[in-house]
Every structure is written in structure tokens, then in C-alpha cells.
Protein backbone atom coordinates (compact mmCIF):
# COMPACT_ATOMS: atom_id res chain seq x y z
CA MET A 1 -18.57 0.81 4.63
CA ASP A 2 -15.89 1.01 7.35
CA THR A 3 -13.61 3.41 5.45
CA LEU A 4 -15.41 6.73 5.02
CA VAL A 5 -12.56 8.94 3.79
CA GLU A 6 -9.69 7.98 1.47
CA ILE A 7 -6.82 10.34 0.69
CA GLN A 8 -5.07 8.81 -2.32
CA ASP A 9 -1.57 10.05 -3.21
CA VAL A 10 -2.64 13.69 -2.98
CA THR A 11 -0.20 16.42 -4.08
CA LYS A 12 -0.65 20.21 -4.09
CA VAL A 13 1.68 22.53 -5.98
CA ILE A 14 1.38 26.31 -5.55
CA ASN A 15 3.53 28.71 -7.59
CA GLY A 16 5.89 25.90 -8.47
CA ARG A 17 6.34 24.78 -4.86
CA THR A 18 5.17 21.37 -3.67
CA ILE A 19 3.14 22.15 -0.56
CA ILE A 20 1.62 18.68 -0.10
CA ASP A 21 3.68 15.76 -1.38
CA SER A 22 1.95 12.44 -2.19
CA VAL A 23 -0.10 12.20 1.03
CA SER A 24 -2.19 9.04 1.52
CA PHE A 25 -4.30 7.89 4.49
CA GLU A 26 -7.82 6.73 5.27
CA VAL A 27 -10.27 7.43 8.08
CA LYS A 28 -12.71 4.82 9.33
CA LYS A 29 -16.21 4.94 10.75
CA GLY A 30 -16.34 5.63 14.49
CA GLU A 31 -12.78 6.89 14.91
CA VAL A 32 -11.18 10.22 15.73
CA PHE A 33 -8.21 10.69 13.42
CA GLY A 34 -5.64 13.26 14.46
CA PHE A 35 -3.73 15.18 11.83
CA LEU A 36 -0.67 16.33 13.71
CA GLY A 37 2.19 18.58 12.69
CA PRO A 38 3.97 21.85 13.43
CA ASN A 39 2.63 25.12 12.06
CA GLY A 40 3.54 25.34 8.38
CA ALA A 41 3.53 21.56 7.88
CA GLY A 42 0.53 21.50 5.49
CA LYS A 43 -2.39 20.53 7.75
CA THR A 44 -4.79 23.27 6.68
CA THR A 45 -3.87 22.94 3.01
CA THR A 46 -4.79 19.23 3.16
CA ILE A 47 -8.06 20.02 4.91
CA ARG A 48 -8.92 22.68 2.34
CA MET A 49 -8.51 20.08 -0.37
CA LEU A 50 -10.62 17.63 1.65
CA VAL A 51 -13.57 20.03 1.68
CA GLY A 52 -13.06 21.34 -1.86
CA LEU A 53 -11.92 24.86 -0.95
CA ILE A 54 -8.80 24.47 -3.10
CA SER A 55 -8.11 22.13 -5.99
CA ILE A 56 -5.95 19.00 -5.95
CA THR A 57 -2.91 19.09 -8.22
CA SER A 58 -2.75 15.30 -8.46
CA GLY A 59 -4.22 12.29 -6.66
CA ASP A 60 -7.77 11.99 -5.38
CA ILE A 61 -9.91 12.28 -2.25
CA LYS A 62 -12.94 10.01 -1.87
CA VAL A 63 -15.77 10.42 0.62
CA LEU A 64 -17.93 7.29 0.92
CA GLY A 65 -16.58 6.31 -2.50
CA SER A 66 -17.42 9.63 -4.19
CA SER A 67 -14.55 11.73 -5.54
CA ILE A 68 -14.16 15.32 -4.36
CA SER A 69 -12.76 16.13 -7.82
CA THR A 70 -15.38 14.50 -10.06
CA ASP A 71 -18.49 14.20 -7.86
CA PHE A 72 -18.06 17.17 -5.55
CA GLU A 73 -21.68 17.78 -4.51
CA LYS A 74 -22.31 14.16 -3.48
CA ALA A 75 -18.98 13.87 -1.66
CA VAL A 76 -19.20 17.14 0.24
CA SER A 77 -22.81 16.49 1.30
CA GLN A 78 -21.44 13.94 3.78
CA ILE A 79 -18.99 16.40 5.37
CA GLY A 80 -19.40 18.92 8.17
CA ALA A 81 -16.35 21.12 8.63
CA ILE A 82 -14.85 24.12 10.39
CA VAL A 83 -11.67 25.33 8.69
CA GLU A 84 -9.74 27.63 11.03
CA ASN A 85 -12.45 29.61 12.95
CA PRO A 86 -16.25 29.20 12.87
CA GLU A 87 -17.85 32.27 11.28
CA MET A 88 -21.29 33.46 12.31
CA TYR A 89 -23.46 36.57 12.55
CA LYS A 90 -22.70 38.10 15.93
CA PHE A 91 -25.73 40.42 15.90
CA LEU A 92 -28.06 37.40 15.66
CA THR A 93 -28.81 34.84 18.35
CA GLY A 94 -27.26 31.40 18.21
CA TYR A 95 -30.63 29.96 17.21
CA GLN A 96 -31.10 32.51 14.41
CA ASN A 97 -27.68 31.59 13.07
CA LEU A 98 -28.65 27.92 12.98
CA ILE A 99 -31.95 28.74 11.22
CA HIS A 100 -29.93 30.63 8.60
CA TYR A 101 -27.53 27.73 8.05
CA ALA A 102 -30.39 25.19 8.04
CA ARG A 103 -31.85 26.90 4.97
CA MET A 104 -28.74 25.89 3.02
CA SER A 105 -29.48 22.17 3.48
CA LYS A 106 -32.54 20.15 2.58
CA GLY A 107 -34.73 18.58 5.21
CA VAL A 108 -33.37 20.24 8.36
CA THR A 109 -36.39 20.47 10.70
CA LYS A 110 -36.94 22.52 13.86
CA GLU A 111 -36.75 19.27 15.80
CA LYS A 112 -33.33 18.58 14.25
CA ILE A 113 -32.08 22.03 15.24
CA ASP A 114 -33.31 21.57 18.82
CA GLU A 115 -31.69 18.12 19.01
CA THR A 116 -28.37 19.52 17.78
CA VAL A 117 -28.48 22.42 20.24
CA GLU A 118 -28.98 19.97 23.08
CA LEU A 119 -26.21 17.74 21.75
CA VAL A 120 -23.60 20.53 21.91
CA GLY A 121 -24.83 21.82 25.28
CA LEU A 122 -26.13 25.27 24.29
CA VAL A 123 -29.78 24.97 25.38
CA ASP A 124 -29.48 27.68 28.06
CA ARG A 125 -27.79 30.24 25.79
CA ILE A 126 -29.02 29.47 22.28
CA HIS A 127 -31.40 32.48 22.23
CA ASP A 128 -28.70 34.95 23.33
CA LYS A 129 -26.81 37.11 20.84
CA VAL A 130 -23.64 35.45 19.58
CA ARG A 131 -21.63 38.56 20.50
CA THR A 132 -22.20 37.62 24.16
CA TYR A 133 -20.76 34.11 23.67
CA SER A 134 -17.39 33.01 24.94
CA LEU A 135 -14.95 31.52 22.42
CA GLY A 136 -15.83 28.03 23.67
CA MET A 137 -19.53 28.66 23.13
CA ARG A 138 -18.85 29.92 19.60
CA GLN A 139 -16.90 26.74 18.91
CA ARG A 140 -19.85 24.68 20.13
CA LEU A 141 -22.25 26.70 17.96
CA GLY A 142 -19.91 26.09 15.02
CA LEU A 143 -20.01 22.38 15.84
CA ALA A 144 -23.83 22.51 15.86
CA GLN A 145 -23.75 24.22 12.48
CA CYS A 146 -21.60 21.36 11.11
CA LEU A 147 -24.00 18.71 12.39
CA LEU A 148 -27.33 20.09 11.15
CA HIS A 149 -27.36 18.07 7.92
CA ASP A 150 -26.34 14.77 9.63
CA PRO A 151 -22.92 14.37 7.98
CA GLN A 152 -20.97 11.14 8.37
CA ILE A 153 -17.62 12.93 8.43
CA LEU A 154 -16.68 15.83 10.70
CA ILE A 155 -13.53 17.83 9.92
CA LEU A 156 -12.19 20.39 12.37
CA ASP A 157 -9.05 22.49 11.91
CA GLU A 158 -7.44 23.40 15.25
CA PRO A 159 -10.80 23.21 17.12
CA THR A 160 -9.32 23.97 20.56
CA ASN A 161 -7.34 27.07 19.55
CA GLY A 162 -7.79 29.84 22.10
CA LEU A 163 -9.99 27.80 24.45
CA ASP A 164 -9.49 27.58 28.20
CA PRO A 165 -8.98 24.11 29.75
CA ALA A 166 -12.71 23.67 30.42
CA GLY A 167 -13.59 24.56 26.83
CA ILE A 168 -10.94 22.21 25.47
CA ARG A 169 -12.33 19.36 27.53
CA GLU A 170 -15.88 20.09 26.38
CA ILE A 171 -14.92 19.99 22.70
CA ARG A 172 -12.85 16.85 23.22
CA ASP A 173 -15.74 15.06 24.98
CA HIS A 174 -18.20 16.07 22.25
CA LEU A 175 -15.94 14.73 19.49
CA ARG A 176 -15.34 11.43 21.27
CA MET A 177 -19.10 11.07 21.82
CA LEU A 178 -19.89 11.77 18.14
CA ALA A 179 -17.44 9.11 17.00
CA ARG A 180 -18.52 6.55 19.60
CA GLU A 181 -22.29 6.99 19.63
CA ARG A 182 -23.00 8.18 16.10
CA GLY A 183 -20.29 6.24 14.28
CA MET A 184 -18.95 9.39 12.64
CA ALA A 185 -15.45 9.69 11.24
CA VAL A 186 -13.88 12.72 12.91
CA ILE A 187 -10.73 14.35 11.49
CA VAL A 188 -9.02 16.85 13.78
CA SER A 189 -5.90 18.83 12.94
CA SER A 190 -3.75 20.26 15.70
CA HIS A 191 -0.25 21.02 16.90
CA LEU A 192 -1.27 20.42 20.55
CA LEU A 193 0.30 17.08 21.42
CA SER A 194 -1.38 16.51 24.77
CA GLU A 195 -4.85 17.08 23.31
CA MET A 196 -4.25 14.69 20.43
CA GLU A 197 -3.11 12.00 22.84
CA MET A 198 -6.36 12.24 24.84
CA MET A 199 -8.70 12.74 21.89
CA CYS A 200 -7.58 10.51 19.02
CA ASP A 201 -7.68 6.83 18.12
CA ARG A 202 -5.06 7.20 15.40
CA ILE A 203 -2.76 9.99 14.32
CA GLY A 204 -1.00 10.92 11.11
CA ILE A 205 2.09 13.10 11.42
CA ILE A 206 2.75 15.56 8.61
CA GLN A 207 5.97 17.50 8.23
CA ASN A 208 7.16 19.66 5.34
CA GLY A 209 4.11 18.53 3.36
CA LYS A 210 4.87 14.81 3.71
CA LEU A 211 3.00 12.28 5.81
CA ILE A 212 5.74 10.56 7.77
CA ASP A 213 3.74 8.16 9.95
CA VAL A 214 0.19 6.90 10.65
CA GLN A 215 -0.38 4.74 13.73
CA HIS A 216 -2.77 3.98 16.54
CA ILE A 217 -2.04 6.45 19.30
CA SER A 218 -0.91 3.83 21.82
CA ASP A 219 1.32 2.06 19.29
CA PHE A 220 2.85 5.32 18.17
CA VAL A 221 3.58 6.58 21.68
CA GLN A 222 5.32 3.39 22.75
CA GLY A 223 6.79 2.18 19.47
CA LYS A 224 8.09 -1.37 19.09
CA GLU A 225 10.88 -0.70 21.55
CA LYS A 226 10.02 0.52 25.02
CA VAL A 227 12.29 2.18 27.51
CA TYR A 228 12.92 0.31 30.77
CA GLU A 229 14.55 1.60 33.91
CA ALA A 230 16.72 -0.94 35.75
CA GLU A 231 17.87 -0.19 39.30
CA VAL A 232 21.02 -2.19 40.13
CA ASP A 233 23.86 -2.10 42.68
CA ASP A 234 26.65 -1.79 40.08
CA PRO A 235 25.44 0.05 36.97
CA ALA A 236 28.94 0.33 35.45
CA LYS A 237 29.39 -3.44 35.56
CA ALA A 238 25.87 -3.94 34.17
CA GLN A 239 26.61 -1.51 31.36
CA ARG A 240 29.80 -3.37 30.38
CA LEU A 241 27.88 -6.65 30.35
CA LEU A 242 25.19 -5.23 28.11
CA LYS A 243 27.70 -3.57 25.77
CA ASN A 244 29.44 -6.90 25.24
CA LYS A 245 26.16 -8.61 24.37
CA TYR A 246 24.41 -5.68 22.59
CA PRO A 247 27.14 -3.38 21.18
CA GLU A 248 24.60 -1.03 19.54
CA LEU A 249 22.39 -0.65 22.63
CA PRO A 250 22.39 2.93 23.96
CA VAL A 251 22.49 2.79 27.76
CA GLN A 252 21.98 5.87 29.94
CA ILE A 253 23.12 5.81 33.58
CA THR A 254 21.96 8.15 36.34
CA GLU A 255 23.23 7.24 39.82
CA ASN A 256 22.34 3.53 40.22
CA ARG A 257 19.63 3.55 37.53
CA MET A 258 19.95 2.56 33.89
CA LEU A 259 17.65 3.50 31.00
CA LEU A 260 17.45 0.78 28.36
CA PRO A 261 15.49 0.85 25.06
CA LEU A 262 14.50 -2.81 24.68
CA VAL A 263 11.72 -4.98 23.33
CA ARG A 264 9.73 -6.59 26.14
CA ASP A 265 10.88 -10.14 25.37
CA SER A 266 14.49 -9.16 26.09
CA ILE A 267 13.83 -8.32 29.75
CA PRO A 268 13.87 -11.86 31.23
CA GLU A 269 17.17 -12.65 29.48
CA MET A 270 18.72 -9.41 30.69
CA ILE A 271 17.70 -10.17 34.28
CA LYS A 272 19.14 -13.69 33.94
CA ASP A 273 22.44 -12.24 32.69
CA PHE A 274 22.58 -9.80 35.62
CA VAL A 275 21.93 -12.56 38.16
CA GLN A 276 24.62 -14.80 36.64
CA ALA A 277 27.08 -11.88 36.79
CA ASP A 278 26.25 -11.36 40.48
CA ILE A 279 24.65 -7.94 39.82
CA LYS A 280 21.91 -7.18 42.32
CA ILE A 281 18.64 -6.03 40.76
CA PHE A 282 16.31 -3.91 42.89
CA ALA A 283 13.73 -3.00 40.24
CA VAL A 284 12.94 -3.10 36.53
CA ARG A 285 10.10 -0.88 35.38
CA GLU A 286 8.74 0.43 32.11
CA VAL A 287 9.19 4.17 31.52
CA THR A 288 6.09 5.53 29.82
CA LYS A 289 6.72 7.86 26.90
CA THR A 290 4.50 10.77 26.06
CA LEU A 291 3.21 11.66 22.62
CA GLU A 292 5.55 14.64 22.74
CA ASP A 293 8.57 12.36 23.26
CA ARG A 294 7.64 10.22 20.26
CA PHE A 295 6.68 13.19 18.10
CA LEU A 296 10.08 14.78 18.67
CA GLU A 297 11.85 11.47 18.02
CA VAL A 298 10.04 10.96 14.73
CA THR A 299 10.27 14.52 13.44
CA GLU A 300 13.92 14.94 14.44
CA TYR A 301 14.74 11.66 12.73
CA LYS A 302 12.98 12.79 9.55
CA GLY A 303 14.55 16.26 9.64
CA GLY A 304 13.64 19.59 11.20
CA ALA A 305 10.38 21.37 10.53
CA GLU A 306 10.27 23.81 7.65
CA HIS A 307 8.28 26.94 8.33
CA ASP A 308 6.57 29.66 6.30
CA ARG A 309 5.11 27.37 3.66
CA THR A 310 2.81 29.22 1.30
CA ASP A 311 -0.90 28.70 1.97
CA SER A 312 -0.33 26.05 4.63
CA LYS A 313 -0.74 25.58 8.31
């Protein structure tokens, strides 16, 4: 089964307010799916429904074909999750915490615990008290806790919150490895654009409780139209030529450079037109967009973010 998680037209209403509005997406085996949106957009509310912490008003969530609503125990047995911050007993060692959590699942052996500790890189500190751990180490211990029962789906809500750059990279590398080597479906929510760009295969953007786009990260960043920079000797003349041929084309000029949002196939024809008009062309290059650029384009187009939603993040 390639599709491990299916969110089917899910809606959540709290106190008469629609917090999540008909959200649908799926997550496949071996991919890291990023759930991206500003604070207050509904990311945590959706994740809470995914793991059964709050009920679904309408719609359904299926995990390996089992419904969270009607077959909760079977569905949730395939999920490992950290919602908001990992909680653990700080007066115990990391290993004692894992022993405690292992008792909640069937068939977790000492060998499995040791393997998981090695996987998250805590071998040297696992027998130290958790109160001596850095935030990054606690996140890794939380990740180990999630993996003890060999889930096929890993769900993490803002996993890099409060981490330093080294800790962020560690968590990112672990998640990519779990998806690639173990074939897990990893769902990560965040508002950190740069991290999502480096971590995820696909992203879904949520705003005001609505899912407004789901795309592969590279497709989303670039879009169908790309921005090209053309360096010419007479940008005003080039602009007039383009305006005559493409009246709706927005052209930005800075000194002798022009920024043009075009599909790739239009570039040869544009160059031909410039040459025929005796406009000298010194360079044409693609301007790479960032995830932040595209995120702002999409969310501004769909309307500004709404904050302070009840029971959402």
C-alpha cells in the first residue's frame, strides 16, 4: 500500500466556529509531508484529529485503510507522534523513560530499545537523567519514544521549535533517513519555511483552516511560470516590445535588467524578437524563487492569515 494516510474531507467545528474546513490530502510511504501554515492556521488541530486526541466533526481519517473514527485502536497502532512538546520524566534517565513507554506496547524488547537509542544518536547519554538533556536531546528521546513500537507513520508537530541550528539539522537528517531507509510516512507541521524546503518531499499549505495547495516542493517553489532576468542594452525598448506582444505581462526594470515571469518555452521566441528589433542581449538567466517567496504569493493571493483561532495552531 503506497498511500498510508488519507485525510478525507475533514471538518472540525468548535463552539459554532469552523476551525478546519473540508481538508483532504494523502501521505505516501517513504515521503516526508510538510504541513505548512502560519500560527493559528489549524495545523495542530488537524494533527490532534489525526492521532485521535480530538473528535472529527465530519469526514474521515484512514491509516492503512483503518478509520480513526470507527477502528481507532487498529489505526493508531501504526502511528508514532509528538504533538507540541515531548513529555517525559525528568528525574529518570532517558533509558528508564523508554522502558516505561515500552511497557505500553506489546513486544518491545530490550534489543529494540537499544536499536532505537542508537538510531536517534543517544547512546552516550541514554543513562543520564533527562533533566541534564538539552532541548535537542529531549527531542531525540521523544523521537525514540515514538519509534519503539515500529509505527509506519510518524507525526511531529513543530519538531524543531526552540532548537539551535545543529539540533535542527540532526532532527531533519533523522526524519529524512526514516522515510528513505524505513519507508515510513512522516508528517511534519511547521511555520519555518526554510526547514520545510530542506526536509520535505511535498507540502500542504493550510490557512484559516482551509488547505489551499498541495504540491511537490520543487514544483511548488517554482510554479508553472518561472522568473527570468534578461540583461539588455535598451530595457525601455524591450519593455515596449513585450507589452505590445504580451499586454498582461508584468515587467520589472532595474537599470539594464528586466524581470520577466514566463514559461520556459517562451524564452527562445523572446530572444528572437529582441534580435529582430536590434536589442542587444547580454544574458538571460532563471531567477530561483525560495519557498518563502511562493508561500507569500499563495497566501496573499488567497487572503491574509487569520489569527487567534480557538484550539488551533
